[in-house]
Amino acid sequence: MTADRTTDTLRDRVGRRLDSRRVQDVSVALVVLNAAILGLETSSTVMAAFPGVLKVVEHGILVLFVVEIAIKLYALDLRFFRSAWNVFDFLIVAVALVPASGPFAILRTLRILRVLRLLGKVPRLRRIIESLLKAVPSIGWIVFLLSMVFYIFGVMGTQLFGAAFPDWFGTLGRTLYTL
């Protein structure tokens, strides 16, 4: 009985420590650093200048992300999966662990999605996303209204400019694309 209480206390302490401001700030900094490294890896000049350094740093950051997920799993147990943000983090980190060869090589390009972990780490961004999700039905009507306006101008553009500029306004599809 004492061991269970000690384990629960340890889990609680680990969970509180993981949720501390300092740990969250370090996690945000690692996400930003990782996004910068992934951007730098797209430059052949940078990759030629620092061939192995960027990969080592990226792998180190990935190890830290995996450790963070493992600690969260320990601290929260199965409650970890009750939070959509935790599941999202878990999937983003899991994609980064997929081998870079074979049929799953395309998934490695999704590593940049790790920057989306900021949405769950920065409270203001998280509130904005949650508010946007609540506003989706209204946003749908706004998209409908804008689509109607776009369609009206597409028809007008085809009728007004189709004969003079058939490559850009010759059909409704071309006009919509041009607009």
C-alpha atoms as a PDB file:
ATOM      1  CA  MET A   1       0.000   0.000   0.000  1.00  0.00           C
ATOM      2  CA  THR A   2       2.853   2.350   0.829  1.00  0.00           C
ATOM      3  CA  ALA A   3       4.551   1.563  -2.493  1.00  0.00           C
ATOM      4  CA  ASP A   4       1.387   2.529  -4.393  1.00  0.00           C
ATOM      5  CA  ARG A   5       1.119   5.821  -2.504  1.00  0.00           C
ATOM      6  CA  THR A   6       4.811   6.533  -3.195  1.00  0.00           C
ATOM      7  CA  THR A   7       4.350   5.665  -6.884  1.00  0.00           C
ATOM      8  CA  ASP A   8       1.269   7.901  -7.117  1.00  0.00           C
ATOM      9  CA  THR A   9       3.123  10.705  -5.382  1.00  0.00           C
ATOM     10  CA  LEU A  10       6.080  10.258  -7.716  1.00  0.00           C
ATOM     11  CA  ARG A  11       3.761  10.252 -10.757  1.00  0.00           C
ATOM     12  CA  ASP A  12       2.064  13.392  -9.494  1.00  0.00           C
ATOM     13  CA  ARG A  13       5.403  15.126  -8.918  1.00  0.00           C
ATOM     14  CA  VAL A  14       6.658  14.084 -12.346  1.00  0.00           C
ATOM     15  CA  GLY A  15       3.425  15.319 -13.933  1.00  0.00           C
ATOM     16  CA  ARG A  16       3.620  18.677 -12.145  1.00  0.00           C
ATOM     17  CA  ARG A  17       7.272  19.064 -13.089  1.00  0.00           C
ATOM     18  CA  LEU A  18       6.500  18.294 -16.734  1.00  0.00           C
ATOM     19  CA  ASP A  19       3.739  20.916 -16.713  1.00  0.00           C
ATOM     20  CA  SER A  20       5.989  23.538 -15.128  1.00  0.00           C
ATOM     21  CA  ARG A  21       6.600  26.781 -16.971  1.00  0.00           C
ATOM     22  CA  ARG A  22      10.338  26.114 -17.335  1.00  0.00           C
ATOM     23  CA  VAL A  23       9.859  22.665 -18.926  1.00  0.00           C
ATOM     24  CA  GLN A  24       7.159  24.042 -21.236  1.00  0.00           C
ATOM     25  CA  ASP A  25       9.441  26.917 -22.292  1.00  0.00           C
ATOM     26  CA  VAL A  26      12.256  24.467 -23.064  1.00  0.00           C
ATOM     27  CA  SER A  27       9.828  22.315 -25.067  1.00  0.00           C
ATOM     28  CA  VAL A  28       8.658  25.346 -27.088  1.00  0.00           C
ATOM     29  CA  ALA A  29      12.284  26.348 -27.727  1.00  0.00           C
ATOM     30  CA  LEU A  30      13.072  22.818 -28.944  1.00  0.00           C
ATOM     31  CA  VAL A  31      10.083  22.871 -31.304  1.00  0.00           C
ATOM     32  CA  VAL A  32      11.186  26.213 -32.764  1.00  0.00           C
ATOM     33  CA  LEU A  33      14.814  25.042 -33.050  1.00  0.00           C
ATOM     34  CA  ASN A  34      13.664  21.843 -34.733  1.00  0.00           C
ATOM     35  CA  ALA A  35      11.551  23.793 -37.238  1.00  0.00           C
ATOM     36  CA  ALA A  36      14.546  25.998 -38.038  1.00  0.00           C
ATOM     37  CA  ILE A  37      16.764  22.959 -38.564  1.00  0.00           C
ATOM     38  CA  LEU A  38      14.219  21.330 -40.878  1.00  0.00           C
ATOM     39  CA  GLY A  39      14.121  24.570 -42.870  1.00  0.00           C
ATOM     40  CA  LEU A  40      17.911  24.683 -43.050  1.00  0.00           C
ATOM     41  CA  GLU A  41      17.972  21.081 -44.294  1.00  0.00           C
ATOM     42  CA  THR A  42      16.190  22.236 -47.456  1.00  0.00           C
ATOM     43  CA  SER A  43      19.270  24.283 -48.423  1.00  0.00           C
ATOM     44  CA  SER A  44      21.942  22.327 -50.264  1.00  0.00           C
ATOM     45  CA  THR A  45      24.487  25.020 -49.341  1.00  0.00           C
ATOM     46  CA  VAL A  46      23.819  24.656 -45.617  1.00  0.00           C
ATOM     47  CA  MET A  47      23.801  20.857 -45.845  1.00  0.00           C
ATOM     48  CA  ALA A  48      27.158  20.955 -47.650  1.00  0.00           C
ATOM     49  CA  ALA A  49      28.621  23.268 -45.002  1.00  0.00           C
ATOM     50  CA  PHE A  50      27.286  21.294 -42.013  1.00  0.00           C
ATOM     51  CA  PRO A  51      26.696  17.781 -43.334  1.00  0.00           C
ATOM     52  CA  GLY A  52      26.237  15.869 -40.107  1.00  0.00           C
ATOM     53  CA  VAL A  53      25.691  18.545 -37.480  1.00  0.00           C
ATOM     54  CA  LEU A  54      22.087  19.324 -38.382  1.00  0.00           C
ATOM     55  CA  LYS A  55      21.136  15.635 -38.452  1.00  0.00           C
ATOM     56  CA  VAL A  56      22.729  15.020 -35.060  1.00  0.00           C
ATOM     57  CA  VAL A  57      20.947  18.004 -33.512  1.00  0.00           C
ATOM     58  CA  GLU A  58      17.650  16.962 -35.102  1.00  0.00           C
ATOM     59  CA  HIS A  59      18.025  13.405 -33.778  1.00  0.00           C
ATOM     60  CA  GLY A  60      18.891  14.766 -30.335  1.00  0.00           C
ATOM     61  CA  ILE A  61      15.753  16.898 -30.312  1.00  0.00           C
ATOM     62  CA  LEU A  62      13.707  13.899 -31.429  1.00  0.00           C
ATOM     63  CA  VAL A  63      15.126  11.864 -28.534  1.00  0.00           C
ATOM     64  CA  LEU A  64      14.063  14.627 -26.141  1.00  0.00           C
ATOM     65  CA  PHE A  65      10.557  14.634 -27.651  1.00  0.00           C
ATOM     66  CA  VAL A  66      10.332  10.849 -27.241  1.00  0.00           C
ATOM     67  CA  VAL A  67      11.515  11.127 -23.635  1.00  0.00           C
ATOM     68  CA  GLU A  68       8.912  13.835 -22.999  1.00  0.00           C
ATOM     69  CA  ILE A  69       6.145  11.594 -24.385  1.00  0.00           C
ATOM     70  CA  ALA A  70       7.414   8.641 -22.332  1.00  0.00           C
ATOM     71  CA  ILE A  71       7.444  10.720 -19.152  1.00  0.00           C
ATOM     72  CA  LYS A  72       3.934  11.988 -19.881  1.00  0.00           C
ATOM     73  CA  LEU A  73       2.789   8.409 -20.422  1.00  0.00           C
ATOM     74  CA  TYR A  74       4.320   7.463 -17.062  1.00  0.00           C
ATOM     75  CA  ALA A  75       2.841  10.454 -15.230  1.00  0.00           C
ATOM     76  CA  LEU A  76      -0.645  10.248 -16.732  1.00  0.00           C
ATOM     77  CA  ASP A  77      -0.927   6.527 -17.479  1.00  0.00           C
ATOM     78  CA  LEU A  78      -3.912   5.900 -19.790  1.00  0.00           C
ATOM     79  CA  ARG A  79      -5.269   9.367 -18.978  1.00  0.00           C
ATOM     80  CA  PHE A  80      -2.597  10.561 -21.427  1.00  0.00           C
ATOM     81  CA  PHE A  81      -4.865   9.577 -24.316  1.00  0.00           C
ATOM     82  CA  ARG A  82      -7.846  11.563 -22.990  1.00  0.00           C
ATOM     83  CA  SER A  83      -6.240  14.813 -24.097  1.00  0.00           C
ATOM     84  CA  ALA A  84      -6.438  15.536 -27.814  1.00  0.00           C
ATOM     85  CA  TRP A  85      -3.250  17.610 -27.522  1.00  0.00           C
ATOM     86  CA  ASN A  86      -1.339  14.649 -26.064  1.00  0.00           C
ATOM     87  CA  VAL A  87      -2.590  12.342 -28.821  1.00  0.00           C
ATOM     88  CA  PHE A  88      -1.623  14.961 -31.395  1.00  0.00           C
ATOM     89  CA  ASP A  89       1.883  15.264 -29.893  1.00  0.00           C
ATOM     90  CA  PHE A  90       2.176  11.480 -29.792  1.00  0.00           C
ATOM     91  CA  LEU A  91       1.267  11.135 -33.491  1.00  0.00           C
ATOM     92  CA  ILE A  92       3.583  13.942 -34.587  1.00  0.00           C
ATOM     93  CA  VAL A  93       6.527  12.403 -32.722  1.00  0.00           C
ATOM     94  CA  ALA A  94       5.616   8.914 -33.980  1.00  0.00           C
ATOM     95  CA  VAL A  95       5.718  10.124 -37.608  1.00  0.00           C
ATOM     96  CA  ALA A  96       9.265  11.351 -37.024  1.00  0.00           C
ATOM     97  CA  LEU A  97      10.291   7.845 -35.932  1.00  0.00           C
ATOM     98  CA  VAL A  98       9.231   6.271 -39.247  1.00  0.00           C
ATOM     99  CA  PRO A  99      12.248   5.084 -41.299  1.00  0.00           C
ATOM    100  CA  ALA A 100      13.345   7.438 -44.082  1.00  0.00           C
ATOM    101  CA  SER A 101      13.408   4.712 -46.737  1.00  0.00           C
ATOM    102  CA  GLY A 102      10.952   2.503 -48.518  1.00  0.00           C
ATOM    103  CA  PRO A 103       7.244   3.185 -48.881  1.00  0.00           C
ATOM    104  CA  PHE A 104       7.110   5.272 -45.705  1.00  0.00           C
ATOM    105  CA  ALA A 105       9.769   7.761 -46.852  1.00  0.00           C
ATOM    106  CA  ILE A 106       7.070  10.291 -47.725  1.00  0.00           C
ATOM    107  CA  LEU A 107       5.966  10.331 -44.090  1.00  0.00           C
ATOM    108  CA  ARG A 108       9.370  11.704 -43.134  1.00  0.00           C
ATOM    109  CA  THR A 109       8.451  14.946 -44.900  1.00  0.00           C
ATOM    110  CA  LEU A 110       5.723  15.314 -42.288  1.00  0.00           C
ATOM    111  CA  ARG A 111       8.419  15.952 -39.659  1.00  0.00           C
ATOM    112  CA  ILE A 112       7.795  19.660 -40.132  1.00  0.00           C
ATOM    113  CA  LEU A 113       4.395  19.095 -38.547  1.00  0.00           C
ATOM    114  CA  ARG A 114       6.264  18.984 -35.242  1.00  0.00           C
ATOM    115  CA  VAL A 115       6.095  22.778 -35.328  1.00  0.00           C
ATOM    116  CA  LEU A 116       2.349  22.354 -34.821  1.00  0.00           C
ATOM    117  CA  ARG A 117       3.161  21.116 -31.326  1.00  0.00           C
ATOM    118  CA  LEU A 118       3.374  24.829 -30.516  1.00  0.00           C
ATOM    119  CA  LEU A 119      -0.406  24.921 -30.760  1.00  0.00           C
ATOM    120  CA  GLY A 120      -0.655  22.728 -27.696  1.00  0.00           C
ATOM    121  CA  LYS A 121       2.296  24.242 -25.843  1.00  0.00           C
ATOM    122  CA  VAL A 122       1.498  27.961 -26.074  1.00  0.00           C
ATOM    123  CA  PRO A 123      -1.690  28.691 -24.116  1.00  0.00           C
ATOM    124  CA  ARG A 124      -2.744  31.660 -26.259  1.00  0.00           C
ATOM    125  CA  LEU A 125      -2.388  29.656 -29.474  1.00  0.00           C
ATOM    126  CA  ARG A 126      -4.315  26.788 -27.895  1.00  0.00           C
ATOM    127  CA  ARG A 127      -7.194  29.137 -26.959  1.00  0.00           C
ATOM    128  CA  ILE A 128      -7.274  30.552 -30.494  1.00  0.00           C
ATOM    129  CA  ILE A 129      -7.438  27.055 -32.024  1.00  0.00           C
ATOM    130  CA  GLU A 130     -10.160  25.970 -29.605  1.00  0.00           C
ATOM    131  CA  SER A 131     -12.142  29.131 -30.403  1.00  0.00           C
ATOM    132  CA  LEU A 132     -11.723  28.543 -34.132  1.00  0.00           C
ATOM    133  CA  LEU A 133     -12.986  24.983 -33.753  1.00  0.00           C
ATOM    134  CA  LYS A 134     -16.075  26.279 -31.941  1.00  0.00           C
ATOM    135  CA  ALA A 135     -16.593  28.813 -34.738  1.00  0.00           C
ATOM    136  CA  VAL A 136     -16.328  26.275 -37.591  1.00  0.00           C
ATOM    137  CA  PRO A 137     -20.083  26.263 -38.352  1.00  0.00           C
ATOM    138  CA  SER A 138     -20.085  30.059 -38.746  1.00  0.00           C
ATOM    139  CA  ILE A 139     -16.881  29.942 -40.753  1.00  0.00           C
ATOM    140  CA  GLY A 140     -18.599  27.476 -43.090  1.00  0.00           C
ATOM    141  CA  TRP A 141     -21.303  30.045 -43.843  1.00  0.00           C
ATOM    142  CA  ILE A 142     -18.661  32.709 -44.444  1.00  0.00           C
ATOM    143  CA  VAL A 143     -16.920  30.386 -46.915  1.00  0.00           C
ATOM    144  CA  PHE A 144     -20.282  29.806 -48.631  1.00  0.00           C
ATOM    145  CA  LEU A 145     -20.921  33.558 -48.892  1.00  0.00           C
ATOM    146  CA  LEU A 146     -17.413  34.261 -50.232  1.00  0.00           C
ATOM    147  CA  SER A 147     -17.767  31.400 -52.715  1.00  0.00           C
ATOM    148  CA  MET A 148     -20.987  32.932 -54.018  1.00  0.00           C
ATOM    149  CA  VAL A 149     -19.299  36.324 -54.472  1.00  0.00           C
ATOM    150  CA  PHE A 150     -16.329  34.648 -56.145  1.00  0.00           C
ATOM    151  CA  TYR A 151     -18.642  32.722 -58.480  1.00  0.00           C
ATOM    152  CA  ILE A 152     -20.541  35.915 -59.391  1.00  0.00           C
ATOM    153  CA  PHE A 153     -17.307  37.694 -60.282  1.00  0.00           C
ATOM    154  CA  GLY A 154     -16.157  34.600 -62.173  1.00  0.00           C
ATOM    155  CA  VAL A 155     -19.254  34.650 -64.386  1.00  0.00           C
ATOM    156  CA  MET A 156     -18.939  38.421 -64.861  1.00  0.00           C
ATOM    157  CA  GLY A 157     -15.230  38.123 -65.700  1.00  0.00           C
ATOM    158  CA  THR A 158     -15.885  35.380 -68.261  1.00  0.00           C
ATOM    159  CA  GLN A 159     -18.606  37.437 -69.937  1.00  0.00           C
ATOM    160  CA  LEU A 160     -16.666  40.714 -69.893  1.00  0.00           C
ATOM    161  CA  PHE A 161     -13.132  39.534 -70.713  1.00  0.00           C
ATOM    162  CA  GLY A 162     -13.530  36.044 -72.233  1.00  0.00           C
ATOM    163  CA  ALA A 163     -13.379  37.181 -75.855  1.00  0.00           C
ATOM    164  CA  ALA A 164     -10.447  39.550 -75.337  1.00  0.00           C
ATOM    165  CA  PHE A 165      -8.377  37.264 -73.108  1.00  0.00           C
ATOM    166  CA  PRO A 166      -9.430  33.662 -73.793  1.00  0.00           C
ATOM    167  CA  ASP A 167      -6.343  32.156 -72.133  1.00  0.00           C
ATOM    168  CA  TRP A 168      -7.248  33.734 -68.792  1.00  0.00           C
ATOM    169  CA  PHE A 169     -11.000  34.313 -68.995  1.00  0.00           C
ATOM    170  CA  GLY A 170     -12.198  32.057 -71.841  1.00  0.00           C
ATOM    171  CA  THR A 171     -14.111  29.640 -69.597  1.00  0.00           C
ATOM    172  CA  LEU A 172     -15.571  29.879 -66.129  1.00  0.00           C
ATOM    173  CA  GLY A 173     -12.885  27.517 -64.808  1.00  0.00           C
ATOM    174  CA  ARG A 174     -10.072  29.639 -66.257  1.00  0.00           C
ATOM    175  CA  THR A 175     -11.660  32.803 -64.921  1.00  0.00           C
ATOM    176  CA  LEU A 176     -11.979  31.340 -61.424  1.00  0.00           C
ATOM    177  CA  TYR A 177      -8.370  30.206 -61.604  1.00  0.00           C
ATOM    178  CA  THR A 178      -7.259  33.659 -62.822  1.00  0.00           C
ATOM    179  CA  LEU A 179      -9.197  35.353 -60.026  1.00  0.00           C
END
